[in-house]
């Protein structure tokens, strides 16, 4: 469950044939075609249904549920205000009854340290909104023994007091082979006022985590006027073999990170591919650290970073950077409006384009970094990669034999809507630039 997700690729050839019958091909242009994330299957085991009026009973309901039980939350706001849902039984699922994540809101009002604490394998949290935890809306840790198979799917996390999703071991209890997917995590201006300890916040912060998949999330707003936020997506402290793909990271001081230093603070293996990282917020640029880095590889050993796009309306310190002597990375076919910076270690660089203009992209402020001009420099300029490394683009459109640099493969207009199962319908397909 944790590391798998269906491969749903669009079928452009079929659509092109249909367009021929309609009187001609659509012109080459933007293909805004990121397919919706699949919904979870209906519950197959015991089901417990809860209403907002039962909020005081929720900790006991969760504690008493048998393995394999699904707890369905009916729509409404659940004012936890100091309560915490602790999961210690493997195989529990917490999800909304309607499937609409906006319909069910678990609100900690900054009185609950954590909203959902996961200490058991094969836990699923899906289709919920979690807001205003004093520390972490979701905290995942192994209780002195490793756990795995945790799935966080289609959640909306708003204004965490520290990191939105915190993953760390307790003793030997690592959290491995798990997934964060199809979710929206954000820090708003209102929530930023509640951040403490020199901007100790961030999106996903994982320690000693192996085999995680971080897929098709939108993460935004993690920065402070004073201090430096952690990344929108950050795996470090002996994490390994992470796959970070098809995410949108917007207006975060640091976008995606593997490692935070050499040795025990580093990250081993893994791949970062097909992500958009964008920054346009004037207040972010004016803050203490501004837009520090789009992708940061600090003590990352053997990481592959390929076909990402990093764009900002003011220059960051680095669009992509690697640092520390233990770092050894491969960077291929990445597209950036700023510099790709060597800060120590070794890197193999292949066909990366830096310092390109923001005019290449559809809408940087929205995080929409699809290419718009078939004559622009990234088109047909990439080096083909080994099969299986990055065969499709951020929309799962198959790359052709002469691929484009960056996360987007410019192609025929494809009439498909959908983005991370949420409300982001501005990614509607439009044929033509």
Protein backbone atom coordinates (compact mmCIF):
# COMPACT_ATOMS: atom_id res chain seq x y z
CA UNK A 1 0.00 0.00 0.00
CA UNK A 2 2.68 2.45 1.00
CA UNK A 3 4.88 2.37 -2.09
CA UNK A 4 2.46 1.49 -4.85
CA UNK A 5 0.19 3.57 -6.95
CA UNK A 6 -1.47 2.85 -10.25
CA UNK A 7 0.16 4.02 -13.44
CA UNK A 8 -2.52 5.99 -15.24
CA UNK A 9 -1.14 7.41 -18.44
CA UNK A 10 -3.12 9.52 -20.89
CA UNK A 11 -3.59 8.14 -24.39
CA UNK A 12 -2.70 11.00 -26.69
CA UNK A 13 -2.80 8.93 -29.88
CA UNK A 14 -6.46 8.08 -29.36
CA UNK A 15 -7.30 11.71 -28.75
CA UNK A 16 -5.39 12.83 -31.80
CA UNK A 17 -7.36 10.42 -33.98
CA UNK A 18 -10.59 11.82 -32.54
CA UNK A 19 -9.48 15.33 -33.40
CA UNK A 20 -8.77 14.31 -36.98
CA UNK A 21 -12.39 13.23 -37.33
CA UNK A 22 -13.44 16.57 -35.89
CA UNK A 23 -11.66 18.36 -38.69
CA UNK A 24 -7.96 18.56 -37.86
CA UNK A 25 -5.30 18.25 -35.25
CA UNK A 26 -5.14 20.56 -32.28
CA UNK A 27 -2.11 22.81 -32.50
CA UNK A 28 1.00 22.05 -30.51
CA UNK A 29 0.63 23.71 -27.11
CA UNK A 30 0.06 23.20 -23.43
CA UNK A 31 -1.16 19.79 -22.37
CA UNK A 32 -2.65 20.39 -18.93
CA UNK A 33 -3.50 16.76 -18.42
CA UNK A 34 -2.52 15.62 -14.95
CA UNK A 35 -5.02 12.83 -14.37
CA UNK A 36 -6.97 12.78 -11.11
CA UNK A 37 -5.62 10.63 -8.33
CA UNK A 38 -7.62 7.44 -7.96
CA UNK A 39 -10.14 7.30 -5.16
CA UNK A 40 -9.70 4.67 -2.48
CA UNK A 41 -11.76 1.51 -2.76
CA UNK A 42 -14.84 1.24 -0.51
CA UNK A 43 -14.24 -0.22 2.95
CA UNK A 44 -14.02 -4.00 2.96
CA UNK A 45 -14.04 -4.71 6.70
CA UNK A 46 -15.86 -3.43 9.77
CA UNK A 47 -17.08 0.17 9.59
CA UNK A 48 -17.70 2.66 12.40
CA UNK A 49 -19.51 5.86 11.42
CA UNK A 50 -19.02 9.01 13.50
CA UNK A 51 -20.69 12.43 13.60
CA UNK A 52 -19.29 15.81 14.77
CA UNK A 53 -21.44 15.53 17.92
CA UNK A 54 -19.28 12.54 18.94
CA UNK A 55 -16.02 14.48 18.94
CA UNK A 56 -15.46 13.87 22.65
CA UNK A 57 -15.72 10.12 22.09
CA UNK A 58 -13.31 9.98 19.16
CA UNK A 59 -10.08 9.11 21.05
CA UNK A 60 -11.85 6.16 22.67
CA UNK A 61 -13.47 5.05 19.41
CA UNK A 62 -10.09 5.01 17.67
CA UNK A 63 -8.39 3.26 20.61
CA UNK A 64 -11.07 0.54 20.72
CA UNK A 65 -11.31 -0.19 16.99
CA UNK A 66 -10.17 -3.63 15.82
CA UNK A 67 -7.58 -4.14 13.12
CA UNK A 68 -9.11 -3.74 9.66
CA UNK A 69 -11.74 -1.26 10.81
CA UNK A 70 -12.61 1.85 8.80
CA UNK A 71 -13.82 4.87 10.77
CA UNK A 72 -15.97 7.05 8.52
CA UNK A 73 -16.33 10.71 9.47
CA UNK A 74 -19.56 12.37 8.40
CA UNK A 75 -19.32 15.94 7.20
CA UNK A 76 -18.82 18.74 9.69
CA UNK A 77 -16.19 20.32 11.92
CA UNK A 78 -14.72 18.19 14.71
CA UNK A 79 -13.40 20.58 17.36
CA UNK A 80 -10.64 18.51 18.94
CA UNK A 81 -9.37 21.42 21.09
CA UNK A 82 -6.78 19.46 23.04
CA UNK A 83 -7.69 15.90 22.02
CA UNK A 84 -5.45 13.63 19.94
CA UNK A 85 -6.37 10.56 17.90
CA UNK A 86 -3.69 7.97 18.72
CA UNK A 87 -3.50 4.93 16.42
CA UNK A 88 -1.66 1.93 17.85
CA UNK A 89 -3.64 -0.85 16.16
CA UNK A 90 -2.38 -1.89 12.69
CA UNK A 91 -4.70 -1.69 9.73
CA UNK A 92 -7.01 1.14 10.79
CA UNK A 93 -8.44 3.60 8.26
CA UNK A 94 -9.69 7.11 9.05
CA UNK A 95 -11.52 8.75 6.15
CA UNK A 96 -14.51 10.89 5.31
CA UNK A 97 -17.79 9.16 4.55
CA UNK A 98 -18.42 11.39 1.53
CA UNK A 99 -14.91 11.27 0.05
CA UNK A 100 -14.90 15.08 0.07
CA UNK A 101 -11.90 16.19 2.08
CA UNK A 102 -13.30 19.70 2.48
CA UNK A 103 -16.43 18.33 4.11
CA UNK A 104 -14.70 16.95 7.20
CA UNK A 105 -12.52 19.30 9.25
CA UNK A 106 -10.52 18.19 12.29
CA UNK A 107 -9.53 21.45 14.02
CA UNK A 108 -7.04 21.52 16.88
CA UNK A 109 -7.36 25.29 17.43
CA UNK A 110 -3.66 25.18 18.48
CA UNK A 111 -4.77 23.42 21.68
CA UNK A 112 -4.08 19.89 20.37
CA UNK A 113 -0.39 19.13 20.11
CA UNK A 114 -1.09 16.57 17.39
CA UNK A 115 -4.34 15.70 15.65
CA UNK A 116 -3.52 12.19 14.42
CA UNK A 117 -0.60 10.23 15.90
CA UNK A 118 0.21 7.04 13.99
CA UNK A 119 2.22 4.27 15.66
CA UNK A 120 1.03 1.24 13.69
CA UNK A 121 1.59 -0.28 10.26
CA UNK A 122 -0.89 -0.14 7.39
CA UNK A 123 -2.69 2.91 8.71
CA UNK A 124 -4.66 4.95 6.17
CA UNK A 125 -5.69 8.59 6.62
CA UNK A 126 -7.71 9.87 3.68
CA UNK A 127 -10.15 12.51 2.45
CA UNK A 128 -9.94 14.79 5.52
CA UNK A 129 -8.96 18.37 6.35
CA UNK A 130 -6.67 18.82 9.36
CA UNK A 131 -5.92 22.26 10.72
CA UNK A 132 -4.23 24.20 13.50
CA UNK A 133 -2.26 21.60 15.46
CA UNK A 134 0.16 23.17 17.94
CA UNK A 135 2.88 20.79 16.70
CA UNK A 136 2.01 18.32 13.93
CA UNK A 137 -1.39 17.58 12.37
CA UNK A 138 -0.01 14.12 11.48
CA UNK A 139 2.86 12.54 13.42
CA UNK A 140 4.09 9.08 12.39
CA UNK A 141 6.58 7.14 14.51
CA UNK A 142 7.47 3.52 15.18
CA UNK A 143 7.01 2.47 18.82
CA UNK A 144 10.53 0.98 19.18
CA UNK A 145 9.79 -1.46 16.34
CA UNK A 146 9.66 -0.56 12.62
CA UNK A 147 6.30 0.15 11.01
CA UNK A 148 5.42 0.40 7.32
CA UNK A 149 2.59 0.71 4.84
CA UNK A 150 1.23 4.04 6.09
CA UNK A 151 -0.83 5.87 3.45
CA UNK A 152 -1.74 9.56 3.66
CA UNK A 153 -4.11 10.22 0.76
CA UNK A 154 -6.05 13.29 -0.33
CA UNK A 155 -5.74 15.24 2.90
CA UNK A 156 -5.76 19.03 3.22
CA UNK A 157 -3.48 20.22 6.01
CA UNK A 158 -3.75 23.89 6.96
CA UNK A 159 -1.55 25.95 9.27
CA UNK A 160 0.48 23.45 11.29
CA UNK A 161 2.30 24.89 14.29
CA UNK A 162 5.45 23.00 13.28
CA UNK A 163 5.83 20.45 10.48
CA UNK A 164 2.62 19.33 8.82
CA UNK A 165 3.60 15.66 8.50
CA UNK A 166 6.35 14.60 10.89
CA UNK A 167 8.02 11.20 10.52
CA UNK A 168 10.65 10.02 13.00
CA UNK A 169 11.78 6.82 14.70
CA UNK A 170 11.43 6.00 18.36
CA UNK A 171 14.47 3.88 19.15
CA UNK A 172 14.56 1.22 16.42
CA UNK A 173 11.04 2.12 15.31
CA UNK A 174 11.58 3.54 11.83
CA UNK A 175 8.71 4.31 9.45
CA UNK A 176 9.39 2.78 6.03
CA UNK A 177 7.74 2.01 2.69
CA UNK A 178 4.94 4.52 3.12
CA UNK A 179 3.23 7.13 0.97
CA UNK A 180 2.12 10.75 1.05
CA UNK A 181 0.04 11.41 -2.04
CA UNK A 182 -2.57 13.59 -3.67
CA UNK A 183 -2.68 16.06 -0.78
CA UNK A 184 -2.62 19.82 -0.28
CA UNK A 185 -0.45 21.16 2.56
CA UNK A 186 -0.29 24.88 3.20
CA UNK A 187 0.80 27.56 5.63
CA UNK A 188 -1.33 30.68 5.26
CA UNK A 189 -0.62 34.24 6.39
CA UNK A 190 -2.92 33.66 9.39
CA UNK A 191 -1.08 30.49 10.36
CA UNK A 192 2.34 32.03 9.88
CA UNK A 193 1.71 34.25 12.89
CA UNK A 194 1.62 31.10 15.06
CA UNK A 195 5.00 29.72 13.96
CA UNK A 196 7.62 29.63 16.73
CA UNK A 197 11.28 28.82 17.33
CA UNK A 198 12.96 30.61 14.45
CA UNK A 199 10.49 29.34 11.83
CA UNK A 200 10.51 25.70 12.89
CA UNK A 201 7.95 24.51 10.36
CA UNK A 202 7.70 22.74 7.01
CA UNK A 203 5.58 20.39 4.92
CA UNK A 204 6.82 16.79 5.15
CA UNK A 205 9.80 16.29 7.52
CA UNK A 206 11.02 12.68 7.67
CA UNK A 207 13.92 11.17 9.63
CA UNK A 208 15.41 7.70 9.10
CA UNK A 209 12.65 6.83 6.64
CA UNK A 210 13.35 4.32 3.86
CA UNK A 211 11.35 3.71 0.70
CA UNK A 212 8.87 6.57 0.90
CA UNK A 213 6.83 7.72 -2.09
CA UNK A 214 5.90 11.42 -2.11
CA UNK A 215 3.64 11.79 -5.09
CA UNK A 216 1.42 14.45 -6.61
CA UNK A 217 1.02 16.82 -3.68
CA UNK A 218 0.67 20.59 -3.64
CA UNK A 219 2.69 22.20 -0.84
CA UNK A 220 2.83 25.95 -0.35
CA UNK A 221 3.62 28.89 1.88
CA UNK A 222 6.33 27.55 4.19
CA UNK A 223 8.41 30.62 5.01
CA UNK A 224 8.63 33.24 7.77
CA UNK A 225 9.60 36.90 7.99
CA UNK A 226 12.33 35.86 10.46
CA UNK A 227 14.14 32.54 10.43
CA UNK A 228 14.40 29.78 7.83
CA UNK A 229 11.65 27.23 7.37
CA UNK A 230 12.39 23.62 6.61
CA UNK A 231 11.54 22.43 3.13
CA UNK A 232 8.17 21.75 1.61
CA UNK A 233 9.39 18.15 1.23
CA UNK A 234 12.40 17.06 3.30
CA UNK A 235 13.84 13.63 4.03
CA UNK A 236 17.07 13.40 6.01
CA UNK A 237 18.82 11.93 9.07
CA UNK A 238 19.62 8.59 7.43
CA UNK A 239 16.59 8.46 5.16
CA UNK A 240 17.02 6.43 1.97
CA UNK A 241 15.52 5.45 -1.37
CA UNK A 242 12.82 8.12 -1.49
CA UNK A 243 10.82 8.80 -4.67
CA UNK A 244 9.60 12.42 -4.94
CA UNK A 245 7.62 12.98 -8.13
CA UNK A 246 4.88 15.06 -9.74
CA UNK A 247 4.58 17.50 -6.86
CA UNK A 248 3.86 21.24 -7.01
CA UNK A 249 5.78 23.29 -4.43
CA UNK A 250 4.88 26.99 -4.35
CA UNK A 251 6.33 29.89 -2.34
CA UNK A 252 8.37 27.85 0.11
CA UNK A 253 11.75 29.14 1.34
CA UNK A 254 13.18 25.73 0.50
CA UNK A 255 11.37 23.45 -1.89
CA UNK A 256 12.56 19.84 -1.92
CA UNK A 257 15.48 18.51 0.13
CA UNK A 258 17.45 15.30 0.53
CA UNK A 259 19.70 15.49 3.59
CA UNK A 260 20.76 18.42 5.72
CA UNK A 261 24.40 17.63 6.23
CA UNK A 262 27.01 14.87 5.96
CA UNK A 263 26.92 11.50 7.67
CA UNK A 264 23.94 10.82 9.91
CA UNK A 265 22.14 13.95 8.69
CA UNK A 266 22.23 12.80 5.07
CA UNK A 267 20.11 10.81 2.62
CA UNK A 268 21.09 7.76 0.52
CA UNK A 269 19.82 6.95 -2.97
CA UNK A 270 16.41 8.10 -4.15
CA UNK A 271 15.11 10.12 -7.06
CA UNK A 272 13.52 13.57 -7.43
CA UNK A 273 11.75 13.79 -10.78
CA UNK A 274 9.00 15.65 -12.62
CA UNK A 275 8.31 18.30 -9.98
CA UNK A 276 7.36 21.98 -10.35
CA UNK A 277 8.91 24.34 -7.79
CA UNK A 278 7.79 27.98 -8.10
CA UNK A 279 8.11 31.24 -6.16
CA UNK A 280 6.59 34.64 -6.84
CA UNK A 281 5.54 35.97 -3.41
CA UNK A 282 7.04 39.42 -2.77
CA UNK A 283 6.83 38.92 1.01
CA UNK A 284 8.77 35.66 0.73
CA UNK A 285 11.49 37.40 -1.27
CA UNK A 286 11.65 40.21 1.32
CA UNK A 287 11.93 37.80 4.29
CA UNK A 288 15.13 36.95 6.15
CA UNK A 289 16.21 34.16 3.79
CA UNK A 290 14.04 34.82 0.76
CA UNK A 291 13.70 31.96 -1.70
CA UNK A 292 16.74 29.99 -0.58
CA UNK A 293 16.70 26.89 -2.79
CA UNK A 294 14.32 25.04 -5.06
CA UNK A 295 16.00 21.64 -4.66
CA UNK A 296 18.75 21.18 -2.05
CA UNK A 297 20.98 18.10 -1.83
CA UNK A 298 23.00 18.25 1.38
CA UNK A 299 24.78 15.02 2.19
CA UNK A 300 22.80 13.21 -0.49
CA UNK A 301 24.67 10.10 -1.62
CA UNK A 302 23.64 8.59 -4.94
CA UNK A 303 20.57 10.76 -5.52
CA UNK A 304 19.17 11.24 -9.04
CA UNK A 305 17.48 14.57 -9.84
CA UNK A 306 15.92 14.61 -13.27
CA UNK A 307 13.34 16.52 -15.33
CA UNK A 308 12.37 19.08 -12.67
CA UNK A 309 11.39 22.70 -13.30
CA UNK A 310 12.28 25.45 -10.81
CA UNK A 311 11.07 28.98 -11.63
CA UNK A 312 10.90 32.22 -9.65
CA UNK A 313 10.31 35.87 -10.40
CA UNK A 314 13.29 36.86 -8.26
CA UNK A 315 16.53 34.92 -8.15
CA UNK A 316 16.95 32.40 -5.33
CA UNK A 317 20.30 31.66 -3.77
CA UNK A 318 20.18 28.44 -5.82
CA UNK A 319 17.52 26.90 -8.00
CA UNK A 320 19.24 23.55 -7.43
CA UNK A 321 22.31 22.98 -5.26
CA UNK A 322 24.46 20.23 -3.83
CA UNK A 323 26.62 20.59 -0.74
CA UNK A 324 29.12 18.71 1.47
CA UNK A 325 31.88 16.34 0.43
CA UNK A 326 29.74 13.24 1.00
CA UNK A 327 27.25 14.37 -1.63
CA UNK A 328 27.26 12.52 -4.95
CA UNK A 329 24.36 13.27 -7.27
CA UNK A 330 23.26 13.01 -10.89
CA UNK A 331 21.39 16.00 -12.34
CA UNK A 332 19.85 15.54 -15.77
CA UNK A 333 17.42 17.53 -17.90
CA UNK A 334 16.42 20.04 -15.20
CA UNK A 335 15.11 23.50 -16.13
CA UNK A 336 15.64 26.53 -13.89
CA UNK A 337 15.31 30.30 -13.97
CA UNK A 338 18.20 30.64 -11.51
CA UNK A 339 21.58 28.99 -11.05
CA UNK A 340 22.45 25.36 -10.45
CA UNK A 341 25.09 25.69 -7.75
CA UNK A 342 28.05 23.54 -6.69
CA UNK A 343 28.65 23.92 -2.94
CA UNK A 344 30.79 20.83 -2.49
CA UNK A 345 30.68 17.13 -3.27
CA UNK A 346 30.42 15.62 -6.74
CA UNK A 347 27.77 15.86 -9.41
CA UNK A 348 27.30 14.42 -12.88
CA UNK A 349 25.50 17.04 -14.97
CA UNK A 350 23.66 16.27 -18.20
CA UNK A 351 21.68 18.75 -20.31
CA UNK A 352 20.42 21.05 -17.55
CA UNK A 353 19.27 24.52 -18.63
CA UNK A 354 19.60 27.38 -16.13
CA UNK A 355 18.85 31.10 -16.12
CA UNK A 356 15.91 30.76 -18.52
CA UNK A 357 13.17 33.45 -18.55
CA UNK A 358 9.88 33.01 -16.70
CA UNK A 359 8.07 33.79 -19.95
CA UNK A 360 8.58 30.14 -20.92
CA UNK A 361 5.91 29.07 -18.45
CA UNK A 362 2.12 29.18 -18.32
CA UNK A 363 1.59 30.74 -14.87
CA UNK A 364 4.47 30.85 -12.40
CA UNK A 365 2.38 32.41 -9.62
CA UNK A 366 -0.03 29.46 -9.75
CA UNK A 367 2.80 26.96 -9.86
CA UNK A 368 1.84 26.04 -13.43
CA UNK A 369 5.24 25.59 -15.10
CA UNK A 370 4.01 23.95 -18.28
CA UNK A 371 5.89 25.14 -21.33
CA UNK A 372 3.95 27.42 -23.68
CA UNK A 373 6.22 27.97 -26.70
CA UNK A 374 7.12 25.08 -29.03
CA UNK A 375 10.06 27.15 -30.31
CA UNK A 376 11.60 27.73 -26.86
CA UNK A 377 15.01 26.41 -25.86
CA UNK A 378 13.90 23.51 -23.61
CA UNK A 379 11.87 21.83 -26.37
CA UNK A 380 13.61 18.77 -27.83
CA UNK A 381 16.81 19.71 -25.97
CA UNK A 382 17.02 16.96 -23.34
CA UNK A 383 19.14 13.86 -23.32
CA UNK A 384 17.10 10.63 -23.44
CA UNK A 385 17.42 8.74 -20.16
CA UNK A 386 17.55 5.02 -19.46
CA UNK A 387 14.18 3.33 -19.79
CA UNK A 388 12.21 3.44 -16.56
CA UNK A 389 14.03 6.40 -15.03
CA UNK A 390 11.69 9.16 -16.21
CA UNK A 391 9.59 7.91 -19.11
CA UNK A 392 6.66 10.33 -18.64
CA UNK A 393 6.34 13.97 -17.62
CA UNK A 394 4.53 15.60 -14.69
CA UNK A 395 1.21 14.85 -16.43
CA UNK A 396 2.25 11.26 -17.25
CA UNK A 397 2.42 12.20 -20.88
CA UNK A 398 4.97 9.90 -22.48
CA UNK A 399 8.18 11.65 -23.46
CA UNK A 400 9.11 11.32 -27.11
CA UNK A 401 12.46 10.21 -28.49
CA UNK A 402 13.77 13.78 -28.32
CA UNK A 403 12.46 14.87 -24.91
CA UNK A 404 12.09 18.38 -23.53
CA UNK A 405 14.14 19.72 -20.64
CA UNK A 406 12.19 20.14 -17.41
CA UNK A 407 9.13 18.48 -15.91
CA UNK A 408 6.76 19.19 -18.80
CA UNK A 409 6.85 17.50 -22.19
CA UNK A 410 5.21 19.98 -24.56
CA UNK A 411 2.74 18.13 -26.70
CA UNK A 412 -0.65 17.98 -28.33
CA UNK A 413 -3.51 19.50 -26.39
CA UNK A 414 -5.15 16.81 -24.30
CA UNK A 415 -8.65 17.45 -22.96
CA UNK A 416 -8.40 16.03 -19.45
CA UNK A 417 -9.10 17.81 -16.14
CA UNK A 418 -7.95 17.08 -12.66
CA UNK A 419 -5.20 17.67 -10.16
CA UNK A 420 -4.53 15.79 -6.92
CA UNK A 421 -8.22 15.03 -6.33
CA UNK A 422 -8.83 18.54 -5.06
CA UNK A 423 -10.21 21.81 -6.25
CA UNK A 424 -7.35 22.86 -8.53
CA UNK A 425 -9.39 23.02 -11.72
CA UNK A 426 -7.27 25.86 -13.07
CA UNK A 427 -5.31 23.00 -14.60
CA UNK A 428 -7.91 22.61 -17.33
CA UNK A 429 -6.55 21.39 -20.63
CA UNK A 430 -6.18 24.04 -23.28
CA UNK A 431 -4.99 23.26 -26.77
CA UNK A 432 -2.66 25.90 -28.07
CA UNK A 433 -0.35 28.32 -26.29
